PDB file of N, CA and C in Angstrom:
ATOM      1  N   MET A   1       2.833  -6.066 -10.289  1.00  0.00           N
ATOM      2  CA  MET A   1       2.771  -5.633  -8.724  1.00  0.00           C
ATOM      3  C   MET A   1       2.022  -4.327  -8.447  1.00  0.00           C
ATOM      4  N   ASN A   2       1.030  -3.911  -7.550  1.00  0.00           N
ATOM      5  CA  ASN A   2       0.798  -2.911  -7.785  1.00  0.00           C
ATOM      6  C   ASN A   2       0.665  -2.771  -5.945  1.00  0.00           C
ATOM      7  N   ILE A   3       1.360  -1.664  -5.658  1.00  0.00           N
ATOM      8  CA  ILE A   3       1.593  -1.111  -4.024  1.00  0.00           C
ATOM      9  C   ILE A   3       1.375  -0.179  -3.808  1.00  0.00           C
ATOM     10  N   CYS A   4       0.211  -0.080  -2.653  1.00  0.00           N
ATOM     11  CA  CYS A   4      -0.022   1.148  -2.635  1.00  0.00           C
ATOM     12  C   CYS A   4       0.261   1.937  -0.780  1.00  0.00           C
ATOM     13  N   GLY A   5       1.321   2.689  -0.311  1.00  0.00           N
ATOM     14  CA  GLY A   5       1.055   3.001   0.850  1.00  0.00           C
ATOM     15  C   GLY A   5       0.263   4.299   0.981  1.00  0.00           C
ATOM     16  N   CYS A   6      -0.240   4.066   2.654  1.00  0.00           N
ATOM     17  CA  CYS A   6      -1.863   5.168   2.574  1.00  0.00           C
ATOM     18  C   CYS A   6      -0.941   5.561   3.997  1.00  0.00           C
ATOM     19  N   LEU A   7      -1.889   6.689   4.709  1.00  0.00           N
ATOM     20  CA  LEU A   7      -1.677   6.925   5.990  1.00  0.00           C
ATOM     21  C   LEU A   7      -3.560   6.734   6.446  1.00  0.00           C
ATOM     22  N   ALA A   8      -3.623   6.828   7.138  1.00  0.00           N
ATOM     23  CA  ALA A   8      -5.005   6.577   7.525  1.00  0.00           C
ATOM     24  C   ALA A   8      -5.145   6.993   9.125  1.00  0.00           C
ATOM     25  N   HIS A   9      -6.166   7.688   9.448  1.00  0.00           N
ATOM     26  CA  HIS A   9      -6.617   8.754  10.260  1.00  0.00           C
ATOM     27  C   HIS A   9      -7.443   8.138  10.790  1.00  0.00           C
ATOM     28  N   VAL A  10      -7.878   7.430  12.194  1.00  0.00           N
ATOM     29  CA  VAL A  10      -9.020   6.953  12.366  1.00  0.00           C
ATOM     30  C   VAL A  10      -9.100   7.446  13.477  1.00  0.00           C
ATOM     31  N   ALA A  11     -10.365   7.840  14.288  1.00  0.00           N
ATOM     32  CA  ALA A  11     -11.227   8.338  15.600  1.00  0.00           C
ATOM     33  C   ALA A  11     -10.845   7.498  16.760  1.00  0.00           C
ATOM     34  N   PRO A  12      -9.806   7.969  17.728  1.00  0.00           N
ATOM     35  CA  PRO A  12      -9.562   7.632  18.784  1.00  0.00           C
ATOM     36  C   PRO A  12     -10.093   5.974  19.212  1.00  0.00           C
ATOM     37  N   ASP A  13     -11.251   6.578  19.393  1.00  0.00           N
ATOM     38  CA  ASP A  13     -11.958   5.355  19.990  1.00  0.00           C
ATOM     39  C   ASP A  13     -12.606   4.411  19.404  1.00  0.00           C
ATOM     40  N   TYR A  14     -12.558   4.534  18.039  1.00  0.00           N
ATOM     41  CA  TYR A  14     -13.221   3.241  16.661  1.00  0.00           C
ATOM     42  C   TYR A  14     -11.365   2.296  16.344  1.00  0.00           C
ATOM     43  N   ALA A  15     -10.305   2.777  16.820  1.00  0.00           N
ATOM     44  CA  ALA A  15      -8.791   2.802  16.397  1.00  0.00           C
ATOM     45  C   ALA A  15      -8.533   0.751  16.722  1.00  0.00           C
ATOM     46  N   THR A  16      -9.177   0.351  17.963  1.00  0.00           N
ATOM     47  CA  THR A  16      -9.045  -0.930  18.029  1.00  0.00           C
ATOM     48  C   THR A  16      -9.905  -1.831  16.864  1.00  0.00           C
ATOM     49  N   ALA A  17     -11.012  -1.124  16.332  1.00  0.00           N
ATOM     50  CA  ALA A  17     -12.324  -2.260  15.967  1.00  0.00           C
ATOM     51  C   ALA A  17     -11.510  -2.141  14.185  1.00  0.00           C
ATOM     52  N   ALA A  18     -10.849  -0.643  14.153  1.00  0.00           N
ATOM     53  CA  ALA A  18     -10.472  -0.448  12.772  1.00  0.00           C
ATOM     54  C   ALA A  18      -9.550  -1.087  12.120  1.00  0.00           C
ATOM     55  N   ALA A  19      -8.325  -1.229  13.192  1.00  0.00           N
ATOM     56  CA  ALA A  19      -7.374  -1.737  12.951  1.00  0.00           C
ATOM     57  C   ALA A  19      -7.888  -3.421  12.905  1.00  0.00           C
ATOM     58  N   GLN A  20      -8.711  -4.263  13.422  1.00  0.00           N
ATOM     59  CA  GLN A  20      -9.226  -5.257  12.965  1.00  0.00           C
ATOM     60  C   GLN A  20      -9.547  -5.372  11.992  1.00  0.00           C
ATOM     61  N   SER A  21     -10.421  -4.534  11.574  1.00  0.00           N
ATOM     62  CA  SER A  21     -11.665  -4.668  10.280  1.00  0.00           C
ATOM     63  C   SER A  21     -10.347  -4.722   9.140  1.00  0.00           C
ATOM     64  N   MET A  22      -9.266  -3.563   9.100  1.00  0.00           N
ATOM     65  CA  MET A  22      -8.298  -3.463   8.152  1.00  0.00           C
ATOM     66  C   MET A  22      -7.134  -4.741   7.852  1.00  0.00           C
ATOM     67  N   SER A  23      -6.654  -5.432   9.204  1.00  0.00           N
ATOM     68  CA  SER A  23      -5.929  -6.786   9.172  1.00  0.00           C
ATOM     69  C   SER A  23      -7.003  -7.402   8.286  1.00  0.00           C
ATOM     70  N   ASP A  24      -8.261  -7.671   8.456  1.00  0.00           N
ATOM     71  CA  ASP A  24      -8.989  -8.590   7.895  1.00  0.00           C
ATOM     72  C   ASP A  24      -8.905  -8.658   6.924  1.00  0.00           C
ATOM     73  N   THR A  25      -8.789  -7.404   5.967  1.00  0.00           N
ATOM     74  CA  THR A  25      -9.202  -7.138   4.637  1.00  0.00           C
ATOM     75  C   THR A  25      -7.969  -8.070   3.730  1.00  0.00           C
ATOM     76  N   PRO A  26      -8.250  -8.948   2.934  1.00  0.00           N
ATOM     77  CA  PRO A  26      -7.072  -9.370   1.952  1.00  0.00           C
ATOM     78  C   PRO A  26      -6.394  -8.073   1.300  1.00  0.00           C
ATOM     79  N   GLY A  27      -4.889  -8.241   1.494  1.00  0.00           N
ATOM     80  CA  GLY A  27      -4.049  -7.287   0.681  1.00  0.00           C
ATOM     81  C   GLY A  27      -3.734  -6.096   1.642  1.00  0.00           C
ATOM     82  N   VAL A  28      -4.484  -6.331   2.843  1.00  0.00           N
ATOM     83  CA  VAL A  28      -3.649  -5.011   3.610  1.00  0.00           C
ATOM     84  C   VAL A  28      -3.401  -5.135   4.876  1.00  0.00           C
ATOM     85  N   GLU A  29      -1.863  -4.498   4.672  1.00  0.00           N
ATOM     86  CA  GLU A  29      -1.096  -4.972   6.050  1.00  0.00           C
ATOM     87  C   GLU A  29      -1.108  -3.291   6.818  1.00  0.00           C
ATOM     88  N   ILE A  30      -1.422  -3.196   8.203  1.00  0.00           N
ATOM     89  CA  ILE A  30      -0.836  -2.060   8.872  1.00  0.00           C
ATOM     90  C   ILE A  30       0.399  -2.039   9.445  1.00  0.00           C
ATOM     91  N   HIS A  31       1.825  -1.616   9.346  1.00  0.00           N
ATOM     92  CA  HIS A  31       2.778  -1.435   9.471  1.00  0.00           C
ATOM     93  C   HIS A  31       3.239  -0.484  11.076  1.00  0.00           C
ATOM     94  N   ALA A  32       2.365   0.403  10.961  1.00  0.00           N
ATOM     95  CA  ALA A  32       2.639   1.185  12.173  1.00  0.00           C
ATOM     96  C   ALA A  32       1.136   1.447  12.474  1.00  0.00           C
ATOM     97  N   GLN A  33       1.287   1.940  13.994  1.00  0.00           N
ATOM     98  CA  GLN A  33       0.101   2.838  14.292  1.00  0.00           C
ATOM     99  C   GLN A  33       0.443   3.324  15.389  1.00  0.00           C
ATOM    100  N   THR A  34      -0.458   4.904  15.892  1.00  0.00           N
ATOM    101  CA  THR A  34      -0.029   5.756  17.169  1.00  0.00           C
ATOM    102  C   THR A  34      -0.959   5.442  17.987  1.00  0.00           C
ATOM    103  N   GLU A  35      -1.196   6.495  18.961  1.00  0.00           N
ATOM    104  CA  GLU A  35      -2.270   6.347  19.828  1.00  0.00           C
ATOM    105  C   GLU A  35      -3.218   7.124  19.788  1.00  0.00           C
ATOM    106  N   ASP A  36      -2.987   8.188  18.595  1.00  0.00           N
ATOM    107  CA  ASP A  36      -4.063   9.002  18.291  1.00  0.00           C
ATOM    108  C   ASP A  36      -4.691   8.509  16.841  1.00  0.00           C
ATOM    109  N   GLY A  37      -4.714   7.285  16.989  1.00  0.00           N
ATOM    110  CA  GLY A  37      -5.257   6.733  15.404  1.00  0.00           C
ATOM    111  C   GLY A  37      -4.745   6.993  14.006  1.00  0.00           C
ATOM    112  N   ARG A  38      -3.584   7.172  14.445  1.00  0.00           N
ATOM    113  CA  ARG A  38      -3.049   7.185  12.725  1.00  0.00           C
ATOM    114  C   ARG A  38      -2.089   5.692  12.649  1.00  0.00           C
ATOM    115  N   PHE A  39      -2.624   5.590  10.941  1.00  0.00           N
ATOM    116  CA  PHE A  39      -2.210   4.045  10.997  1.00  0.00           C
ATOM    117  C   PHE A  39      -1.106   4.298   9.708  1.00  0.00           C
ATOM    118  N   VAL A  40      -0.149   3.561   9.634  1.00  0.00           N
ATOM    119  CA  VAL A  40       0.727   3.350   8.169  1.00  0.00           C
ATOM    120  C   VAL A  40      -0.048   2.305   7.453  1.00  0.00           C
ATOM    121  N   VAL A  41      -0.334   2.162   6.521  1.00  0.00           N
ATOM    122  CA  VAL A  41      -1.139   1.164   5.765  1.00  0.00           C
ATOM    123  C   VAL A  41      -0.390   0.692   4.375  1.00  0.00           C
ATOM    124  N   VAL A  42      -0.493  -0.535   3.960  1.00  0.00           N
ATOM    125  CA  VAL A  42      -0.183  -0.912   2.955  1.00  0.00           C
ATOM    126  C   VAL A  42      -1.187  -1.740   2.527  1.00  0.00           C
ATOM    127  N   VAL A  43      -1.411  -1.620   0.895  1.00  0.00           N
ATOM    128  CA  VAL A  43      -2.732  -2.258   0.027  1.00  0.00           C
ATOM    129  C   VAL A  43      -1.845  -2.769  -0.935  1.00  0.00           C
ATOM    130  N   GLU A  44      -1.829  -4.004  -1.644  1.00  0.00           N
ATOM    131  CA  GLU A  44      -1.327  -4.603  -2.851  1.00  0.00           C
ATOM    132  C   GLU A  44      -2.922  -5.178  -3.389  1.00  0.00           C
ATOM    133  N   ASP A  45      -2.884  -5.568  -4.749  1.00  0.00           N
ATOM    134  CA  ASP A  45      -3.777  -5.959  -5.027  1.00  0.00           C
ATOM    135  C   ASP A  45      -3.708  -7.256  -5.083  1.00  0.00           C
ATOM    136  N   THR A  46      -4.716  -7.851  -5.002  1.00  0.00           N
ATOM    137  CA  THR A  46      -5.227  -9.460  -4.865  1.00  0.00           C
ATOM    138  C   THR A  46      -5.606 -10.279  -5.828  1.00  0.00           C
ATOM    139  N   PRO A  47      -6.329 -11.306  -5.891  1.00  0.00           N
ATOM    140  CA  PRO A  47      -6.232 -12.352  -7.520  1.00  0.00           C
ATOM    141  C   PRO A  47      -8.047 -11.814  -7.520  1.00  0.00           C
ATOM    142  N   GLU A  48      -8.956 -11.168  -6.214  1.00  0.00           N
ATOM    143  CA  GLU A  48     -10.069 -11.083  -6.303  1.00  0.00           C
ATOM    144  C   GLU A  48     -10.222  -9.133  -6.651  1.00  0.00           C
ATOM    145  N   ARG A  49      -9.592  -8.547  -5.930  1.00  0.00           N
ATOM    146  CA  ARG A  49      -9.576  -6.975  -6.022  1.00  0.00           C
ATOM    147  C   ARG A  49      -8.338  -6.106  -6.494  1.00  0.00           C
ATOM    148  N   LEU A  50      -8.641  -5.065  -7.257  1.00  0.00           N
ATOM    149  CA  LEU A  50      -7.506  -4.075  -7.086  1.00  0.00           C
ATOM    150  C   LEU A  50      -7.387  -3.629  -5.808  1.00  0.00           C
ATOM    151  N   ALA A  51      -6.084  -3.052  -5.459  1.00  0.00           N
ATOM    152  CA  ALA A  51      -6.028  -2.115  -4.640  1.00  0.00           C
ATOM    153  C   ALA A  51      -6.726  -0.461  -4.404  1.00  0.00           C
ATOM    154  N   SER A  52      -6.684  -0.555  -5.453  1.00  0.00           N
ATOM    155  CA  SER A  52      -7.896   0.796  -5.568  1.00  0.00           C
ATOM    156  C   SER A  52      -9.323   0.645  -5.066  1.00  0.00           C
ATOM    157  N   GLU A  53      -9.771  -0.440  -5.447  1.00  0.00           N
ATOM    158  CA  GLU A  53     -10.714  -1.021  -5.091  1.00  0.00           C
ATOM    159  C   GLU A  53     -11.338  -1.488  -3.372  1.00  0.00           C
ATOM    160  N   THR A  54     -10.192  -2.183  -2.928  1.00  0.00           N
ATOM    161  CA  THR A  54      -9.891  -1.875  -1.573  1.00  0.00           C
ATOM    162  C   THR A  54      -9.956  -0.533  -0.513  1.00  0.00           C
ATOM    163  N   ILE A  55      -8.847   0.055  -1.135  1.00  0.00           N
ATOM    164  CA  ILE A  55      -8.838   1.819  -0.955  1.00  0.00           C
ATOM    165  C   ILE A  55     -10.017   2.401  -0.704  1.00  0.00           C
ATOM    166  N   MET A  56     -10.775   2.408  -1.553  1.00  0.00           N
ATOM    167  CA  MET A  56     -12.219   2.864  -0.917  1.00  0.00           C
ATOM    168  C   MET A  56     -13.119   2.505  -0.400  1.00  0.00           C
ATOM    169  N   ASP A  57     -12.730   0.831  -0.031  1.00  0.00           N
ATOM    170  CA  ASP A  57     -13.792   0.075   0.960  1.00  0.00           C
ATOM    171  C   ASP A  57     -13.100   0.091   1.900  1.00  0.00           C
ATOM    172  N   LEU A  58     -11.869   0.928   2.794  1.00  0.00           N
ATOM    173  CA  LEU A  58     -11.359   1.009   3.465  1.00  0.00           C
ATOM    174  C   LEU A  58     -11.708   2.895   4.191  1.00  0.00           C
ATOM    175  N   HIS A  59     -11.970   3.191   3.283  1.00  0.00           N
ATOM    176  CA  HIS A  59     -12.758   4.506   3.910  1.00  0.00           C
ATOM    177  C   HIS A  59     -14.196   4.349   4.290  1.00  0.00           C
ATOM    178  N   GLN A  60     -14.785   3.246   4.125  1.00  0.00           N
ATOM    179  CA  GLN A  60     -16.371   2.744   4.821  1.00  0.00           C
ATOM    180  C   GLN A  60     -16.191   2.065   6.347  1.00  0.00           C
ATOM    181  N   ILE A  61     -15.123   1.725   6.525  1.00  0.00           N
ATOM    182  CA  ILE A  61     -14.508   1.273   8.121  1.00  0.00           C
ATOM    183  C   ILE A  61     -14.959   2.494   9.367  1.00  0.00           C
ATOM    184  N   PRO A  62     -16.260   1.969  10.067  1.00  0.00           N
ATOM    185  CA  PRO A  62     -16.634   2.844  11.221  1.00  0.00           C
ATOM    186  C   PRO A  62     -15.370   3.645  11.965  1.00  0.00           C
ATOM    187  N   GLY A  63     -15.231   4.672  11.844  1.00  0.00           N
ATOM    188  CA  GLY A  63     -14.092   5.768  12.566  1.00  0.00           C
ATOM    189  C   GLY A  63     -13.232   5.898  11.638  1.00  0.00           C
ATOM    190  N   VAL A  64     -13.088   6.051  10.213  1.00  0.00           N
ATOM    191  CA  VAL A  64     -11.701   5.888   9.555  1.00  0.00           C
ATOM    192  C   VAL A  64     -12.165   7.173   9.095  1.00  0.00           C
ATOM    193  N   VAL A  65     -11.782   8.411   9.533  1.00  0.00           N
ATOM    194  CA  VAL A  65     -11.637   9.977   9.315  1.00  0.00           C
ATOM    195  C   VAL A  65     -10.977  10.742   7.655  1.00  0.00           C
ATOM    196  N   SER A  66      -9.891   9.860   7.580  1.00  0.00           N
ATOM    197  CA  SER A  66      -9.560   9.806   6.356  1.00  0.00           C
ATOM    198  C   SER A  66      -8.485   8.500   6.049  1.00  0.00           C
ATOM    199  N   LEU A  67      -8.324   8.584   4.916  1.00  0.00           N
ATOM    200  CA  LEU A  67      -7.362   7.809   4.141  1.00  0.00           C
ATOM    201  C   LEU A  67      -6.737   8.051   2.750  1.00  0.00           C
ATOM    202  N   THR A  68      -5.539   8.556   2.941  1.00  0.00           N
ATOM    203  CA  THR A  68      -4.648   8.921   1.947  1.00  0.00           C
ATOM    204  C   THR A  68      -3.442   8.488   1.039  1.00  0.00           C
ATOM    205  N   LEU A  69      -3.348   8.247   0.041  1.00  0.00           N
ATOM    206  CA  LEU A  69      -2.568   7.663  -0.686  1.00  0.00           C
ATOM    207  C   LEU A  69      -1.170   8.501  -0.122  1.00  0.00           C
ATOM    208  N   THR A  70      -0.705   8.164  -0.362  1.00  0.00           N
ATOM    209  CA  THR A  70       1.035   8.793  -0.088  1.00  0.00           C
ATOM    210  C   THR A  70       2.011   8.188  -0.756  1.00  0.00           C
ATOM    211  N   TYR A  71       2.156   6.673  -1.298  1.00  0.00           N
ATOM    212  CA  TYR A  71       2.981   6.006  -2.312  1.00  0.00           C
ATOM    213  C   TYR A  71       2.291   5.369  -3.016  1.00  0.00           C
ATOM    214  N   HIS A  72       2.811   4.992  -4.227  1.00  0.00           N
ATOM    215  CA  HIS A  72       2.710   4.284  -5.257  1.00  0.00           C
ATOM    216  C   HIS A  72       3.786   3.699  -6.113  1.00  0.00           C
ATOM    217  N   HIS A  73       3.414   2.248  -6.047  1.00  0.00           N
ATOM    218  CA  HIS A  73       4.491   1.783  -7.165  1.00  0.00           C
ATOM    219  C   HIS A  73       3.666   1.006  -7.711  1.00  0.00           C
ATOM    220  N   PHE A  74       4.062   0.395  -9.203  1.00  0.00           N
ATOM    221  CA  PHE A  74       3.466  -0.560 -10.042  1.00  0.00           C
ATOM    222  C   PHE A  74       4.290  -0.956 -10.836  1.00  0.00           C
ATOM    223  N   GLU A  75       4.473  -2.090 -11.313  1.00  0.00           N
ATOM    224  CA  GLU A  75       5.379  -3.020 -11.924  1.00  0.00           C
ATOM    225  C   GLU A  75       4.915  -3.891 -13.341  1.00  0.00           C
ATOM    226  N   ASP A  76       4.947  -3.978 -14.352  1.00  0.00           N
ATOM    227  CA  ASP A  76       4.619  -5.308 -14.514  1.00  0.00           C
ATOM    228  C   ASP A  76       5.404  -6.552 -14.579  1.00  0.00           C
ATOM    229  N   LEU A  77       5.000  -7.555 -13.418  1.00  0.00           N
ATOM    230  CA  LEU A  77       6.328  -8.409 -13.282  1.00  0.00           C
ATOM    231  C   LEU A  77       7.004  -9.269 -14.118  1.00  0.00           C
ATOM    232  N   ALA A  78       6.556  -9.223 -15.785  1.00  0.00           N
ATOM    233  CA  ALA A  78       6.666  -9.903 -16.970  1.00  0.00           C
ATOM    234  C   ALA A  78       7.629  -9.102 -17.279  1.00  0.00           C
ATOM    235  N   GLU A  79       7.817  -7.958 -16.947  1.00  0.00           N
ATOM    236  CA  GLU A  79       8.943  -6.773 -17.181  1.00  0.00           C
ATOM    237  C   GLU A  79       9.773  -7.503 -16.546  1.00  0.00           C
ATOM    238  N   THR A  80       9.862  -7.584 -15.227  1.00  0.00           N
ATOM    239  CA  THR A  80      10.931  -8.119 -14.265  1.00  0.00           C
ATOM    240  C   THR A  80      11.534  -8.899 -14.234  1.00  0.00           C
ATOM    241  N   ARG A  81      10.984  -9.887 -14.963  1.00  0.00           N
ATOM    242  CA  ARG A  81      12.166 -11.027 -14.965  1.00  0.00           C
ATOM    243  C   ARG A  81      13.314 -10.980 -15.477  1.00  0.00           C
ATOM    244  N   PRO A  82      14.440 -11.985 -15.144  1.00  0.00           N
ATOM    245  CA  PRO A  82      15.736 -11.282 -16.100  1.00  0.00           C
ATOM    246  C   PRO A  82      15.457 -12.241 -17.247  1.00  0.00           C
ATOM    247  N   ARG A  83      16.179 -11.658 -18.158  1.00  0.00           N
ATOM    248  CA  ARG A  83      16.320 -12.206 -19.595  1.00  0.00           C
ATOM    249  C   ARG A  83      18.077 -12.526 -20.049  1.00  0.00           C
ATOM    250  N   PRO A  84      18.328 -13.711 -19.943  1.00  0.00           N
ATOM    251  CA  PRO A  84      19.699 -13.882 -20.610  1.00  0.00           C
ATOM    252  C   PRO A  84      20.363 -13.023 -21.789  1.00  0.00           C
ATOM    253  N   ASP A  85      19.616 -13.024 -22.592  1.00  0.00           N
ATOM    254  CA  ASP A  85      20.087 -12.179 -23.613  1.00  0.00           C
ATOM    255  C   ASP A  85      19.829 -10.623 -23.628  1.00  0.00           C
ATOM    256  N   ALA A  86      19.599 -10.093 -22.487  1.00  0.00           N
ATOM    257  CA  ALA A  86      19.484  -8.435 -22.313  1.00  0.00           C
ATOM    258  C   ALA A  86      20.943  -8.049 -22.074  1.00  0.00           C
ATOM    259  N   LEU A  87      20.841  -6.535 -22.732  1.00  0.00           N
ATOM    260  CA  LEU A  87      22.076  -6.048 -22.788  1.00  0.00           C
ATOM    261  C   LEU A  87      22.489  -5.708 -21.026  1.00  0.00           C
ATOM    262  N   SER A  88      23.523  -5.930 -20.319  1.00  0.00           N
ATOM    263  CA  SER A  88      23.261  -5.148 -18.927  1.00  0.00           C
ATOM    264  C   SER A  88      23.307  -3.805 -19.122  1.00  0.00           C
ATOM    265  N   GLN A  89      22.966  -3.195 -17.953  1.00  0.00           N
ATOM    266  CA  GLN A  89      22.667  -1.749 -17.571  1.00  0.00           C
ATOM    267  C   GLN A  89      23.285  -1.541 -16.407  1.00  0.00           C
ATOM    268  N   THR A  90      23.970  -0.112 -16.809  1.00  0.00           N
ATOM    269  CA  THR A  90      25.242   0.418 -15.720  1.00  0.00           C
ATOM    270  C   THR A  90      23.626   1.182 -14.606  1.00  0.00           C
ATOM    271  N   THR A  91      24.630   0.953 -13.310  1.00  0.00           N
ATOM    272  CA  THR A  91      23.626   1.151 -12.415  1.00  0.00           C
ATOM    273  C   THR A  91      24.186   2.500 -11.483  1.00  0.00           C
ATOM    274  N   SER A  92      24.803   3.011 -11.858  1.00  0.00           N
ATOM    275  CA  SER A  92      25.148   4.377 -11.192  1.00  0.00           C
ATOM    276  C   SER A  92      24.804   5.466 -12.560  1.00  0.00           C
ATOM    277  N   ARG A  93      24.096   6.441 -11.216  1.00  0.00           N
ATOM    278  CA  ARG A  93      23.556   7.545 -12.219  1.00  0.00           C
ATOM    279  C   ARG A  93      24.299   8.739 -11.923  1.00  0.00           C
ATOM    280  N   ARG A  94      25.716   9.191 -11.756  1.00  0.00           N
ATOM    281  CA  ARG A  94      26.552   9.931 -11.606  1.00  0.00           C
ATOM    282  C   ARG A  94      26.813  10.032 -13.091  1.00  0.00           C
ATOM    283  N   LEU A  95      26.994  11.299 -13.634  1.00  0.00           N
ATOM    284  CA  LEU A  95      27.400  11.693 -14.841  1.00  0.00           C
ATOM    285  C   LEU A  95      28.495  11.731 -15.135  1.00  0.00           C
ATOM    286  N   THR A  96      29.249  10.873 -16.603  1.00  0.00           N
ATOM    287  CA  THR A  96      30.434  11.005 -16.566  1.00  0.00           C
ATOM    288  C   THR A  96      30.687  11.844 -17.377  1.00  0.00           C
ATOM    289  N   LEU A  97      32.000  12.634 -17.352  1.00  0.00           N
ATOM    290  CA  LEU A  97      31.943  13.555 -18.311  1.00  0.00           C
ATOM    291  C   LEU A  97      33.513  13.264 -19.896  1.00  0.00           C
TER     292      LEU A  97
END
């Protein structure tokens, strides 16, 4: 699983068209948008493209001034499956004396 949180800045005159282009792109979701053309966008890998490739494509949408990666999370799904034989781990991060 590869999840990238991005902040896009789009020229306000292009915001509607850019939002449509982003929404039509597989693996892309717009989570917030401001009137001045800022977008909070999440990009995920798809079976056809890596998130990094999709992010580079988003830079090419007319009106996009900048698109910055602000959050990245990656984990191997095979490692996250529960294993009945695995030792349990404590969830507390508090130091014990």
